[in-house]
Amino acid sequence: TQPNQKLNGMDFKLKRPATINGKLTGFGDLSGKKVRAINTDMRDNRYYVPTTRSKKDGSFELKFVRPGETLVQVEPFWLDPNAAPNTSTQKLNVEEGQVIKEVEIQFTPQN
């Protein structure tokens, strides 16, 4: 597209993003771990999905999450998010504008 270009016959619908709040569980240092939300429809670019770092107590907040079936994951991340271990992934059905609280994800340190 070009600036000021008119697209006839197109209907663009924007949806309000969701927010996901949660906490990492497990042993070891839970601070500063990367946590992301990626949709299962594989329309996301893994470099630009909502990502944050956990606080000292393991808590995290992901903002601007796209509605739909979503995987909330803690690092290390897998190229195919559906192949990540179930212990480090929480599958959620995220609705437009929703605030989801108390999501728990198991963090296991890598050797």
PDB file of N, CA and C in Angstrom:
ATOM      1  N   THR A   1       0.837  -1.188   0.000  1.00  0.00           N
ATOM      2  CA  THR A   1       0.000   0.000   0.000  1.00  0.00           C
ATOM      3  C   THR A   1       0.878   1.247   0.000  1.00  0.00           C
ATOM      4  N   GLN A   2       0.260   2.344  -0.326  1.00  0.00           N
ATOM      5  CA  GLN A   2       0.930   3.638  -0.360  1.00  0.00           C
ATOM      6  C   GLN A   2       0.210   4.592   0.589  1.00  0.00           C
ATOM      7  N   PRO A   3       0.903   5.637   1.079  1.00  0.00           N
ATOM      8  CA  PRO A   3       0.237   6.620   1.941  1.00  0.00           C
ATOM      9  C   PRO A   3      -0.982   7.224   1.235  1.00  0.00           C
ATOM     10  N   ASN A   4      -2.073   7.363   1.968  1.00  0.00           N
ATOM     11  CA  ASN A   4      -3.344   7.932   1.491  1.00  0.00           C
ATOM     12  C   ASN A   4      -4.039   7.072   0.437  1.00  0.00           C
ATOM     13  N   GLN A   5      -3.562   5.889   0.199  1.00  0.00           N
ATOM     14  CA  GLN A   5      -4.210   5.005  -0.775  1.00  0.00           C
ATOM     15  C   GLN A   5      -5.560   4.557  -0.221  1.00  0.00           C
ATOM     16  N   LYS A   6      -6.580   4.543  -1.075  1.00  0.00           N
ATOM     17  CA  LYS A   6      -7.902   4.090  -0.678  1.00  0.00           C
ATOM     18  C   LYS A   6      -8.079   2.653  -1.139  1.00  0.00           C
ATOM     19  N   LEU A   7      -8.550   1.835  -0.244  1.00  0.00           N
ATOM     20  CA  LEU A   7      -8.785   0.431  -0.540  1.00  0.00           C
ATOM     21  C   LEU A   7     -10.293   0.189  -0.531  1.00  0.00           C
ATOM     22  N   ASN A   8     -10.870   0.091  -1.694  1.00  0.00           N
ATOM     23  CA  ASN A   8     -12.306  -0.131  -1.805  1.00  0.00           C
ATOM     24  C   ASN A   8     -12.612  -1.609  -1.622  1.00  0.00           C
ATOM     25  N   GLY A   9     -13.742  -1.883  -0.995  1.00  0.00           N
ATOM     26  CA  GLY A   9     -14.172  -3.259  -0.803  1.00  0.00           C
ATOM     27  C   GLY A   9     -13.453  -3.976   0.332  1.00  0.00           C
ATOM     28  N   MET A  10     -12.668  -3.249   1.115  1.00  0.00           N
ATOM     29  CA  MET A  10     -11.940  -3.847   2.236  1.00  0.00           C
ATOM     30  C   MET A  10     -12.596  -3.403   3.542  1.00  0.00           C
ATOM     31  N   ASP A  11     -12.687  -4.316   4.468  1.00  0.00           N
ATOM     32  CA  ASP A  11     -13.269  -4.026   5.768  1.00  0.00           C
ATOM     33  C   ASP A  11     -12.264  -4.421   6.837  1.00  0.00           C
ATOM     34  N   PHE A  12     -11.612  -3.432   7.470  1.00  0.00           N
ATOM     35  CA  PHE A  12     -10.610  -3.688   8.491  1.00  0.00           C
ATOM     36  C   PHE A  12     -11.264  -3.565   9.864  1.00  0.00           C
ATOM     37  N   LYS A  13     -11.139  -4.601  10.672  1.00  0.00           N
ATOM     38  CA  LYS A  13     -11.705  -4.586  12.011  1.00  0.00           C
ATOM     39  C   LYS A  13     -10.573  -4.737  13.023  1.00  0.00           C
ATOM     40  N   LEU A  14     -10.452  -3.750  13.888  1.00  0.00           N
ATOM     41  CA  LEU A  14      -9.428  -3.789  14.938  1.00  0.00           C
ATOM     42  C   LEU A  14     -10.063  -4.310  16.224  1.00  0.00           C
ATOM     43  N   LYS A  15      -9.311  -5.084  16.959  1.00  0.00           N
ATOM     44  CA  LYS A  15      -9.806  -5.626  18.217  1.00  0.00           C
ATOM     45  C   LYS A  15      -8.965  -5.090  19.358  1.00  0.00           C
ATOM     46  N   ARG A  16      -9.614  -4.878  20.499  1.00  0.00           N
ATOM     47  CA  ARG A  16      -8.893  -4.414  21.682  1.00  0.00           C
ATOM     48  C   ARG A  16      -7.994  -5.533  22.195  1.00  0.00           C
ATOM     49  N   PRO A  17      -6.747  -5.235  22.525  1.00  0.00           N
ATOM     50  CA  PRO A  17      -5.839  -6.266  23.021  1.00  0.00           C
ATOM     51  C   PRO A  17      -6.190  -6.677  24.451  1.00  0.00           C
ATOM     52  N   ALA A  18      -5.667  -7.817  24.854  1.00  0.00           N
ATOM     53  CA  ALA A  18      -5.865  -8.337  26.200  1.00  0.00           C
ATOM     54  C   ALA A  18      -4.587  -8.153  27.014  1.00  0.00           C
ATOM     55  N   THR A  19      -4.694  -8.399  28.312  1.00  0.00           N
ATOM     56  CA  THR A  19      -3.563  -8.360  29.233  1.00  0.00           C
ATOM     57  C   THR A  19      -3.549  -9.668  30.015  1.00  0.00           C
ATOM     58  N   ILE A  20      -2.355 -10.240  30.181  1.00  0.00           N
ATOM     59  CA  ILE A  20      -2.217 -11.486  30.935  1.00  0.00           C
ATOM     60  C   ILE A  20      -1.238 -11.255  32.081  1.00  0.00           C
ATOM     61  N   ASN A  21      -1.691 -11.536  33.301  1.00  0.00           N
ATOM     62  CA  ASN A  21      -0.865 -11.434  34.499  1.00  0.00           C
ATOM     63  C   ASN A  21      -0.645 -12.832  35.052  1.00  0.00           C
ATOM     64  N   GLY A  22       0.563 -13.105  35.510  1.00  0.00           N
ATOM     65  CA  GLY A  22       0.826 -14.423  36.052  1.00  0.00           C
ATOM     66  C   GLY A  22       2.089 -14.462  36.873  1.00  0.00           C
ATOM     67  N   LYS A  23       2.510 -15.697  37.178  1.00  0.00           N
ATOM     68  CA  LYS A  23       3.688 -15.898  38.008  1.00  0.00           C
ATOM     69  C   LYS A  23       4.389 -17.176  37.598  1.00  0.00           C
ATOM     70  N   LEU A  24       5.709 -17.119  37.598  1.00  0.00           N
ATOM     71  CA  LEU A  24       6.508 -18.315  37.362  1.00  0.00           C
ATOM     72  C   LEU A  24       6.625 -19.075  38.677  1.00  0.00           C
ATOM     73  N   THR A  25       6.584 -20.395  38.587  1.00  0.00           N
ATOM     74  CA  THR A  25       6.795 -21.235  39.753  1.00  0.00           C
ATOM     75  C   THR A  25       7.989 -22.133  39.474  1.00  0.00           C
ATOM     76  N   GLY A  26       8.522 -22.735  40.496  1.00  0.00           N
ATOM     77  CA  GLY A  26       9.660 -23.618  40.317  1.00  0.00           C
ATOM     78  C   GLY A  26      10.761 -23.245  41.277  1.00  0.00           C
ATOM     79  N   PHE A  27      11.948 -23.734  41.006  1.00  0.00           N
ATOM     80  CA  PHE A  27      13.075 -23.464  41.891  1.00  0.00           C
ATOM     81  C   PHE A  27      14.121 -22.648  41.152  1.00  0.00           C
ATOM     82  N   GLY A  28      15.035 -22.080  41.915  1.00  0.00           N
ATOM     83  CA  GLY A  28      16.065 -21.247  41.312  1.00  0.00           C
ATOM     84  C   GLY A  28      15.619 -19.800  41.230  1.00  0.00           C
ATOM     85  N   ASP A  29      16.425 -18.996  40.589  1.00  0.00           N
ATOM     86  CA  ASP A  29      16.157 -17.573  40.426  1.00  0.00           C
ATOM     87  C   ASP A  29      15.064 -17.381  39.376  1.00  0.00           C
ATOM     88  N   LEU A  30      13.940 -16.808  39.772  1.00  0.00           N
ATOM     89  CA  LEU A  30      12.811 -16.600  38.862  1.00  0.00           C
ATOM     90  C   LEU A  30      12.774 -15.187  38.287  1.00  0.00           C
ATOM     91  N   SER A  31      13.732 -14.344  38.633  1.00  0.00           N
ATOM     92  CA  SER A  31      13.717 -12.962  38.153  1.00  0.00           C
ATOM     93  C   SER A  31      14.367 -12.849  36.777  1.00  0.00           C
ATOM     94  N   GLY A  32      13.841 -11.940  35.984  1.00  0.00           N
ATOM     95  CA  GLY A  32      14.436 -11.619  34.690  1.00  0.00           C
ATOM     96  C   GLY A  32      14.252 -12.666  33.603  1.00  0.00           C
ATOM     97  N   LYS A  33      13.350 -13.612  33.788  1.00  0.00           N
ATOM     98  CA  LYS A  33      13.114 -14.641  32.768  1.00  0.00           C
ATOM     99  C   LYS A  33      12.164 -14.087  31.710  1.00  0.00           C
ATOM    100  N   LYS A  34      12.445 -14.392  30.446  1.00  0.00           N
ATOM    101  CA  LYS A  34      11.566 -13.939  29.367  1.00  0.00           C
ATOM    102  C   LYS A  34      10.292 -14.777  29.339  1.00  0.00           C
ATOM    103  N   VAL A  35       9.171 -14.076  29.207  1.00  0.00           N
ATOM    104  CA  VAL A  35       7.855 -14.706  29.096  1.00  0.00           C
ATOM    105  C   VAL A  35       7.180 -14.094  27.879  1.00  0.00           C
ATOM    106  N   ARG A  36       6.537 -14.928  27.054  1.00  0.00           N
ATOM    107  CA  ARG A  36       5.881 -14.411  25.851  1.00  0.00           C
ATOM    108  C   ARG A  36       4.482 -14.988  25.699  1.00  0.00           C
ATOM    109  N   ALA A  37       3.692 -14.317  24.864  1.00  0.00           N
ATOM    110  CA  ALA A  37       2.369 -14.789  24.475  1.00  0.00           C
ATOM    111  C   ALA A  37       2.359 -14.878  22.951  1.00  0.00           C
ATOM    112  N   ILE A  38       2.081 -16.074  22.429  1.00  0.00           N
ATOM    113  CA  ILE A  38       2.078 -16.274  20.983  1.00  0.00           C
ATOM    114  C   ILE A  38       0.829 -17.067  20.600  1.00  0.00           C
ATOM    115  N   ASN A  39       0.129 -16.619  19.578  1.00  0.00           N
ATOM    116  CA  ASN A  39      -1.098 -17.291  19.154  1.00  0.00           C
ATOM    117  C   ASN A  39      -0.808 -18.597  18.435  1.00  0.00           C
ATOM    118  N   THR A  40      -1.721 -19.552  18.584  1.00  0.00           N
ATOM    119  CA  THR A  40      -1.530 -20.875  17.982  1.00  0.00           C
ATOM    120  C   THR A  40      -1.854 -20.897  16.489  1.00  0.00           C
ATOM    121  N   ASP A  41      -2.442 -19.826  15.950  1.00  0.00           N
ATOM    122  CA  ASP A  41      -2.787 -19.819  14.524  1.00  0.00           C
ATOM    123  C   ASP A  41      -1.565 -19.590  13.625  1.00  0.00           C
ATOM    124  N   MET A  42      -0.396 -19.375  14.257  1.00  0.00           N
ATOM    125  CA  MET A  42       0.875 -19.214  13.549  1.00  0.00           C
ATOM    126  C   MET A  42       0.890 -18.001  12.606  1.00  0.00           C
ATOM    127  N   ARG A  43       0.056 -16.986  12.883  1.00  0.00           N
ATOM    128  CA  ARG A  43       0.077 -15.751  12.093  1.00  0.00           C
ATOM    129  C   ARG A  43       0.990 -14.708  12.712  1.00  0.00           C
ATOM    130  N   ASP A  44       1.584 -15.037  13.863  1.00  0.00           N
ATOM    131  CA  ASP A  44       2.499 -14.113  14.538  1.00  0.00           C
ATOM    132  C   ASP A  44       3.917 -14.281  14.005  1.00  0.00           C
ATOM    133  N   ASN A  45       4.696 -13.256  14.165  1.00  0.00           N
ATOM    134  CA  ASN A  45       6.130 -13.332  13.911  1.00  0.00           C
ATOM    135  C   ASN A  45       6.771 -13.482  15.281  1.00  0.00           C
ATOM    136  N   ARG A  46       7.509 -14.544  15.512  1.00  0.00           N
ATOM    137  CA  ARG A  46       8.024 -14.830  16.851  1.00  0.00           C
ATOM    138  C   ARG A  46       8.912 -13.735  17.415  1.00  0.00           C
ATOM    139  N   TYR A  47       9.435 -12.845  16.563  1.00  0.00           N
ATOM    140  CA  TYR A  47      10.278 -11.759  17.039  1.00  0.00           C
ATOM    141  C   TYR A  47       9.469 -10.558  17.538  1.00  0.00           C
ATOM    142  N   TYR A  48       8.177 -10.530  17.245  1.00  0.00           N
ATOM    143  CA  TYR A  48       7.366  -9.364  17.569  1.00  0.00           C
ATOM    144  C   TYR A  48       6.124  -9.693  18.373  1.00  0.00           C
ATOM    145  N   VAL A  49       6.127 -10.789  19.104  1.00  0.00           N
ATOM    146  CA  VAL A  49       4.989 -11.123  19.961  1.00  0.00           C
ATOM    147  C   VAL A  49       5.183 -10.436  21.319  1.00  0.00           C
ATOM    148  N   PRO A  50       4.090 -10.229  22.064  1.00  0.00           N
ATOM    149  CA  PRO A  50       4.235  -9.614  23.383  1.00  0.00           C
ATOM    150  C   PRO A  50       5.189 -10.432  24.259  1.00  0.00           C
ATOM    151  N   THR A  51       6.233  -9.782  24.730  1.00  0.00           N
ATOM    152  CA  THR A  51       7.248 -10.436  25.562  1.00  0.00           C
ATOM    153  C   THR A  51       7.606  -9.505  26.716  1.00  0.00           C
ATOM    154  N   THR A  52       7.873 -10.090  27.871  1.00  0.00           N
ATOM    155  CA  THR A  52       8.272  -9.317  29.043  1.00  0.00           C
ATOM    156  C   THR A  52       9.284 -10.130  29.842  1.00  0.00           C
ATOM    157  N   ARG A  53       9.775  -9.546  30.917  1.00  0.00           N
ATOM    158  CA  ARG A  53      10.669 -10.267  31.838  1.00  0.00           C
ATOM    159  C   ARG A  53       9.990 -10.343  33.203  1.00  0.00           C
ATOM    160  N   SER A  54      10.201 -11.455  33.872  1.00  0.00           N
ATOM    161  CA  SER A  54       9.602 -11.650  35.189  1.00  0.00           C
ATOM    162  C   SER A  54      10.297 -10.775  36.232  1.00  0.00           C
ATOM    163  N   LYS A  55       9.539 -10.418  37.256  1.00  0.00           N
ATOM    164  CA  LYS A  55      10.082  -9.636  38.370  1.00  0.00           C
ATOM    165  C   LYS A  55      10.786 -10.583  39.345  1.00  0.00           C
ATOM    166  N   LYS A  56      11.343 -10.028  40.387  1.00  0.00           N
ATOM    167  CA  LYS A  56      12.115 -10.801  41.358  1.00  0.00           C
ATOM    168  C   LYS A  56      11.301 -11.955  41.962  1.00  0.00           C
ATOM    169  N   ASP A  57      10.002 -11.725  42.174  1.00  0.00           N
ATOM    170  CA  ASP A  57       9.151 -12.767  42.758  1.00  0.00           C
ATOM    171  C   ASP A  57       8.582 -13.723  41.712  1.00  0.00           C
ATOM    172  N   GLY A  58       8.969 -13.556  40.435  1.00  0.00           N
ATOM    173  CA  GLY A  58       8.493 -14.423  39.358  1.00  0.00           C
ATOM    174  C   GLY A  58       7.235 -13.931  38.671  1.00  0.00           C
ATOM    175  N   SER A  59       6.672 -12.823  39.135  1.00  0.00           N
ATOM    176  CA  SER A  59       5.448 -12.306  38.520  1.00  0.00           C
ATOM    177  C   SER A  59       5.767 -11.627  37.189  1.00  0.00           C
ATOM    178  N   PHE A  60       4.749 -11.594  36.307  1.00  0.00           N
ATOM    179  CA  PHE A  60       4.917 -10.963  35.000  1.00  0.00           C
ATOM    180  C   PHE A  60       3.586 -10.398  34.520  1.00  0.00           C
ATOM    181  N   GLU A  61       3.673  -9.465  33.566  1.00  0.00           N
ATOM    182  CA  GLU A  61       2.481  -8.908  32.919  1.00  0.00           C
ATOM    183  C   GLU A  61       2.762  -8.777  31.428  1.00  0.00           C
ATOM    184  N   LEU A  62       1.898  -9.375  30.630  1.00  0.00           N
ATOM    185  CA  LEU A  62       1.981  -9.286  29.169  1.00  0.00           C
ATOM    186  C   LEU A  62       0.850  -8.388  28.690  1.00  0.00           C
ATOM    187  N   LYS A  63       1.198  -7.317  27.994  1.00  0.00           N
ATOM    188  CA  LYS A  63       0.195  -6.381  27.471  1.00  0.00           C
ATOM    189  C   LYS A  63       0.105  -6.522  25.961  1.00  0.00           C
ATOM    190  N   PHE A  64      -0.991  -6.047  25.398  1.00  0.00           N
ATOM    191  CA  PHE A  64      -1.222  -6.012  23.952  1.00  0.00           C
ATOM    192  C   PHE A  64      -1.241  -7.408  23.338  1.00  0.00           C
ATOM    193  N   VAL A  65      -1.903  -8.342  24.024  1.00  0.00           N
ATOM    194  CA  VAL A  65      -2.018  -9.718  23.545  1.00  0.00           C
ATOM    195  C   VAL A  65      -3.199  -9.803  22.580  1.00  0.00           C
ATOM    196  N   ARG A  66      -2.956 -10.413  21.425  1.00  0.00           N
ATOM    197  CA  ARG A  66      -3.993 -10.566  20.407  1.00  0.00           C
ATOM    198  C   ARG A  66      -4.997 -11.632  20.856  1.00  0.00           C
ATOM    199  N   PRO A  67      -6.297 -11.361  20.701  1.00  0.00           N
ATOM    200  CA  PRO A  67      -7.307 -12.352  21.063  1.00  0.00           C
ATOM    201  C   PRO A  67      -7.156 -13.643  20.249  1.00  0.00           C
ATOM    202  N   GLY A  68      -7.585 -14.747  20.843  1.00  0.00           N
ATOM    203  CA  GLY A  68      -7.535 -16.054  20.200  1.00  0.00           C
ATOM    204  C   GLY A  68      -6.863 -17.065  21.101  1.00  0.00           C
ATOM    205  N   GLU A  69      -6.680 -18.275  20.585  1.00  0.00           N
ATOM    206  CA  GLU A  69      -5.995 -19.306  21.353  1.00  0.00           C
ATOM    207  C   GLU A  69      -4.516 -18.940  21.452  1.00  0.00           C
ATOM    208  N   THR A  70      -4.026 -18.786  22.672  1.00  0.00           N
ATOM    209  CA  THR A  70      -2.700 -18.235  22.921  1.00  0.00           C
ATOM    210  C   THR A  70      -1.890 -19.147  23.821  1.00  0.00           C
ATOM    211  N   LEU A  71      -0.600 -19.243  23.531  1.00  0.00           N
ATOM    212  CA  LEU A  71       0.334 -19.965  24.381  1.00  0.00           C
ATOM    213  C   LEU A  71       1.158 -18.945  25.159  1.00  0.00           C
ATOM    214  N   VAL A  72       1.134 -19.035  26.485  1.00  0.00           N
ATOM    215  CA  VAL A  72       1.999 -18.222  27.323  1.00  0.00           C
ATOM    216  C   VAL A  72       3.164 -19.118  27.712  1.00  0.00           C
ATOM    217  N   GLN A  73       4.384 -18.681  27.396  1.00  0.00           N
ATOM    218  CA  GLN A  73       5.554 -19.532  27.562  1.00  0.00           C
ATOM    219  C   GLN A  73       6.685 -18.798  28.248  1.00  0.00           C
ATOM    220  N   VAL A  74       7.513 -19.574  28.968  1.00  0.00           N
ATOM    221  CA  VAL A  74       8.723 -19.044  29.578  1.00  0.00           C
ATOM    222  C   VAL A  74       9.915 -19.608  28.811  1.00  0.00           C
ATOM    223  N   GLU A  75      10.986 -18.825  28.755  1.00  0.00           N
ATOM    224  CA  GLU A  75      12.182 -19.256  28.035  1.00  0.00           C
ATOM    225  C   GLU A  75      12.725 -20.578  28.572  1.00  0.00           C
ATOM    226  N   PRO A  76      13.450 -21.337  27.791  1.00  0.00           N
ATOM    227  CA  PRO A  76      13.851 -21.098  26.405  1.00  0.00           C
ATOM    228  C   PRO A  76      12.681 -21.329  25.459  1.00  0.00           C
ATOM    229  N   PHE A  77      12.621 -20.500  24.398  1.00  0.00           N
ATOM    230  CA  PHE A  77      11.534 -20.589  23.433  1.00  0.00           C
ATOM    231  C   PHE A  77      11.890 -21.558  22.313  1.00  0.00           C
ATOM    232  N   TRP A  78      10.894 -22.219  21.778  1.00  0.00           N
ATOM    233  CA  TRP A  78      11.065 -23.174  20.688  1.00  0.00           C
ATOM    234  C   TRP A  78      10.673 -22.512  19.376  1.00  0.00           C
ATOM    235  N   LEU A  79      11.318 -22.921  18.294  1.00  0.00           N
ATOM    236  CA  LEU A  79      10.995 -22.383  16.973  1.00  0.00           C
ATOM    237  C   LEU A  79       9.518 -22.608  16.659  1.00  0.00           C
ATOM    238  N   ASP A  80       9.032 -23.816  16.914  1.00  0.00           N
ATOM    239  CA  ASP A  80       7.608 -24.115  16.800  1.00  0.00           C
ATOM    240  C   ASP A  80       7.038 -24.058  18.214  1.00  0.00           C
ATOM    241  N   PRO A  81       6.277 -23.010  18.550  1.00  0.00           N
ATOM    242  CA  PRO A  81       5.795 -22.853  19.918  1.00  0.00           C
ATOM    243  C   PRO A  81       4.925 -24.019  20.384  1.00  0.00           C
ATOM    244  N   ASN A  82       4.290 -24.726  19.451  1.00  0.00           N
ATOM    245  CA  ASN A  82       3.453 -25.864  19.822  1.00  0.00           C
ATOM    246  C   ASN A  82       4.287 -27.062  20.267  1.00  0.00           C
ATOM    247  N   ALA A  83       5.580 -27.069  19.988  1.00  0.00           N
ATOM    248  CA  ALA A  83       6.460 -28.177  20.362  1.00  0.00           C
ATOM    249  C   ALA A  83       7.105 -27.980  21.732  1.00  0.00           C
ATOM    250  N   ALA A  84       6.893 -26.836  22.360  1.00  0.00           N
ATOM    251  CA  ALA A  84       7.494 -26.555  23.669  1.00  0.00           C
ATOM    252  C   ALA A  84       6.907 -27.488  24.724  1.00  0.00           C
ATOM    253  N   PRO A  85       7.678 -27.808  25.760  1.00  0.00           N
ATOM    254  CA  PRO A  85       7.179 -28.688  26.821  1.00  0.00           C
ATOM    255  C   PRO A  85       5.938 -28.111  27.502  1.00  0.00           C
ATOM    256  N   ASN A  86       5.011 -28.979  27.848  1.00  0.00           N
ATOM    257  CA  ASN A  86       3.773 -28.546  28.508  1.00  0.00           C
ATOM    258  C   ASN A  86       4.030 -27.885  29.849  1.00  0.00           C
ATOM    259  N   THR A  87       5.129 -28.247  30.509  1.00  0.00           N
ATOM    260  CA  THR A  87       5.406 -27.675  31.820  1.00  0.00           C
ATOM    261  C   THR A  87       5.767 -26.197  31.739  1.00  0.00           C
ATOM    262  N   SER A  88       6.307 -25.747  30.611  1.00  0.00           N
ATOM    263  CA  SER A  88       6.701 -24.341  30.475  1.00  0.00           C
ATOM    264  C   SER A  88       5.719 -23.543  29.635  1.00  0.00           C
ATOM    265  N   THR A  89       4.538 -24.112  29.384  1.00  0.00           N
ATOM    266  CA  THR A  89       3.538 -23.479  28.515  1.00  0.00           C
ATOM    267  C   THR A  89       2.159 -23.559  29.155  1.00  0.00           C
ATOM    268  N   GLN A  90       1.405 -22.486  29.027  1.00  0.00           N
ATOM    269  CA  GLN A  90       0.013 -22.459  29.465  1.00  0.00           C
ATOM    270  C   GLN A  90      -0.834 -22.030  28.265  1.00  0.00           C
ATOM    271  N   LYS A  91      -1.793 -22.859  27.852  1.00  0.00           N
ATOM    272  CA  LYS A  91      -2.667 -22.526  26.722  1.00  0.00           C
ATOM    273  C   LYS A  91      -3.918 -21.831  27.253  1.00  0.00           C
ATOM    274  N   LEU A  92      -4.216 -20.676  26.666  1.00  0.00           N
ATOM    275  CA  LEU A  92      -5.365 -19.876  27.087  1.00  0.00           C
ATOM    276  C   LEU A  92      -6.213 -19.485  25.895  1.00  0.00           C
ATOM    277  N   ASN A  93      -7.502 -19.323  26.125  1.00  0.00           N
ATOM    278  CA  ASN A  93      -8.382 -18.744  25.116  1.00  0.00           C
ATOM    279  C   ASN A  93      -8.606 -17.291  25.516  1.00  0.00           C
ATOM    280  N   VAL A  94      -7.964 -16.381  24.794  1.00  0.00           N
ATOM    281  CA  VAL A  94      -7.961 -14.961  25.142  1.00  0.00           C
ATOM    282  C   VAL A  94      -9.055 -14.236  24.356  1.00  0.00           C
ATOM    283  N   GLU A  95      -9.856 -13.458  25.078  1.00  0.00           N
ATOM    284  CA  GLU A  95     -10.929 -12.691  24.446  1.00  0.00           C
ATOM    285  C   GLU A  95     -10.542 -11.219  24.361  1.00  0.00           C
ATOM    286  N   GLU A  96     -11.172 -10.528  23.449  1.00  0.00           N
ATOM    287  CA  GLU A  96     -10.895  -9.108  23.221  1.00  0.00           C
ATOM    288  C   GLU A  96     -11.062  -8.296  24.503  1.00  0.00           C
ATOM    289  N   GLY A  97     -10.039  -7.505  24.854  1.00  0.00           N
ATOM    290  CA  GLY A  97     -10.093  -6.614  26.005  1.00  0.00           C
ATOM    291  C   GLY A  97     -10.032  -7.306  27.363  1.00  0.00           C
ATOM    292  N   GLN A  98      -9.858  -8.593  27.390  1.00  0.00           N
ATOM    293  CA  GLN A  98      -9.867  -9.364  28.630  1.00  0.00           C
ATOM    294  C   GLN A  98      -8.597  -9.118  29.455  1.00  0.00           C
ATOM    295  N   VAL A  99      -8.734  -9.170  30.779  1.00  0.00           N
ATOM    296  CA  VAL A  99      -7.590  -9.153  31.687  1.00  0.00           C
ATOM    297  C   VAL A  99      -7.584 -10.510  32.385  1.00  0.00           C
ATOM    298  N   ILE A 100      -6.572 -11.293  32.102  1.00  0.00           N
ATOM    299  CA  ILE A 100      -6.459 -12.630  32.683  1.00  0.00           C
ATOM    300  C   ILE A 100      -5.461 -12.555  33.832  1.00  0.00           C
ATOM    301  N   LYS A 101      -5.838 -13.120  34.978  1.00  0.00           N
ATOM    302  CA  LYS A 101      -4.989 -13.076  36.161  1.00  0.00           C
ATOM    303  C   LYS A 101      -4.682 -14.485  36.648  1.00  0.00           C
ATOM    304  N   GLU A 102      -3.630 -14.587  37.432  1.00  0.00           N
ATOM    305  CA  GLU A 102      -3.244 -15.811  38.134  1.00  0.00           C
ATOM    306  C   GLU A 102      -2.843 -16.962  37.213  1.00  0.00           C
ATOM    307  N   VAL A 103      -2.178 -16.661  36.111  1.00  0.00           N
ATOM    308  CA  VAL A 103      -1.630 -17.697  35.240  1.00  0.00           C
ATOM    309  C   VAL A 103      -0.324 -18.175  35.874  1.00  0.00           C
ATOM    310  N   GLU A 104      -0.160 -19.480  36.014  1.00  0.00           N
ATOM    311  CA  GLU A 104       1.068 -20.036  36.584  1.00  0.00           C
ATOM    312  C   GLU A 104       1.797 -20.861  35.543  1.00  0.00           C
ATOM    313  N   ILE A 105       3.100 -20.628  35.431  1.00  0.00           N
ATOM    314  CA  ILE A 105       3.937 -21.368  34.484  1.00  0.00           C
ATOM    315  C   ILE A 105       5.145 -21.898  35.233  1.00  0.00           C
ATOM    316  N   GLN A 106       5.455 -23.158  35.001  1.00  0.00           N
ATOM    317  CA  GLN A 106       6.595 -23.806  35.646  1.00  0.00           C
ATOM    318  C   GLN A 106       7.883 -23.415  34.931  1.00  0.00           C
ATOM    319  N   PHE A 107       8.861 -22.893  35.681  1.00  0.00           N
ATOM    320  CA  PHE A 107      10.168 -22.595  35.126  1.00  0.00           C
ATOM    321  C   PHE A 107      11.156 -23.658  35.580  1.00  0.00           C
ATOM    322  N   THR A 108      11.852 -24.268  34.613  1.00  0.00           N
ATOM    323  CA  THR A 108      12.874 -25.267  34.907  1.00  0.00           C
ATOM    324  C   THR A 108      14.192 -24.771  34.360  1.00  0.00           C
ATOM    325  N   PRO A 109      15.193 -24.534  35.205  1.00  0.00           N
ATOM    326  CA  PRO A 109      16.492 -24.072  34.717  1.00  0.00           C
ATOM    327  C   PRO A 109      17.107 -25.083  33.746  1.00  0.00           C
ATOM    328  N   GLN A 110      17.768 -24.571  32.707  1.00  0.00           N
ATOM    329  CA  GLN A 110      18.435 -25.442  31.727  1.00  0.00           C
ATOM    330  C   GLN A 110      19.868 -25.688  32.172  1.00  0.00           C
ATOM    331  N   ASN A 111      20.357 -26.868  31.921  1.00  0.00           N
ATOM    332  CA  ASN A 111      21.757 -27.218  32.270  1.00  0.00           C
ATOM    333  C   ASN A 111      22.707 -26.683  31.249  1.00  0.00           C
TER     334      ASN A 111
END
